[in-house]
Amino acid sequence: MLFSDSLPQLWLSYGVLSLVVLITGYLGVRLLPLLPRLVLVGIVAGGLWMVAPFSLPLLEPGETYSGLAPAVVVMAVGVLQHDGGQVAGALPLLLAGAAMGAVLGVLAWRLLARRHDGGDAGDGPRRGKRSSPQEGPAPRAKGRTRREPVVN
């Protein structure tokens, strides 16, 4: 393997797997309206992608390995090892990531709602909106007439 025991490869694998989780989760909650769906996916994304510092003891006494890892992983390892310090350091970062993800979900919803509604009020002619119902029907292409549906 080209990158044997590579930390960047580990982060890349984690990123790809977290994207798979987010996409399948988004598709799994399609029954929800858009705002709760984006907020929920944002919370999960924030929890998955927030990093936290950690330290693990090495085999030699007094030596430790320190680094960064996803906060959810640091917290899970801290809970399994009964390390309150590690949990206390990872939990606020995990909650902050979830809050930032929720805020980004609301912002994404607002951007999508603005795009769906037609943007600003001043862009009426560009979007093709009619300002009054007296203007009549929209122009059709030459030679095309509307066909009514037929139920057999």
Foldseek 3Di string as FASTA:
>chain_A
DVQPPHPVVVVVVLVVVLVVVLVVQLVVVVVDDQLVSQLVSLLSVLQSPQKFKDWADDPDPPDIDIDIDRLVVQLVVCVVVVPPVSVVRSVVSSNVSSVVRNVVSNVVVVVVVCVVVPHDPPCCVVVVHDPDPVPDDDDDDPPDDDDDDDDD
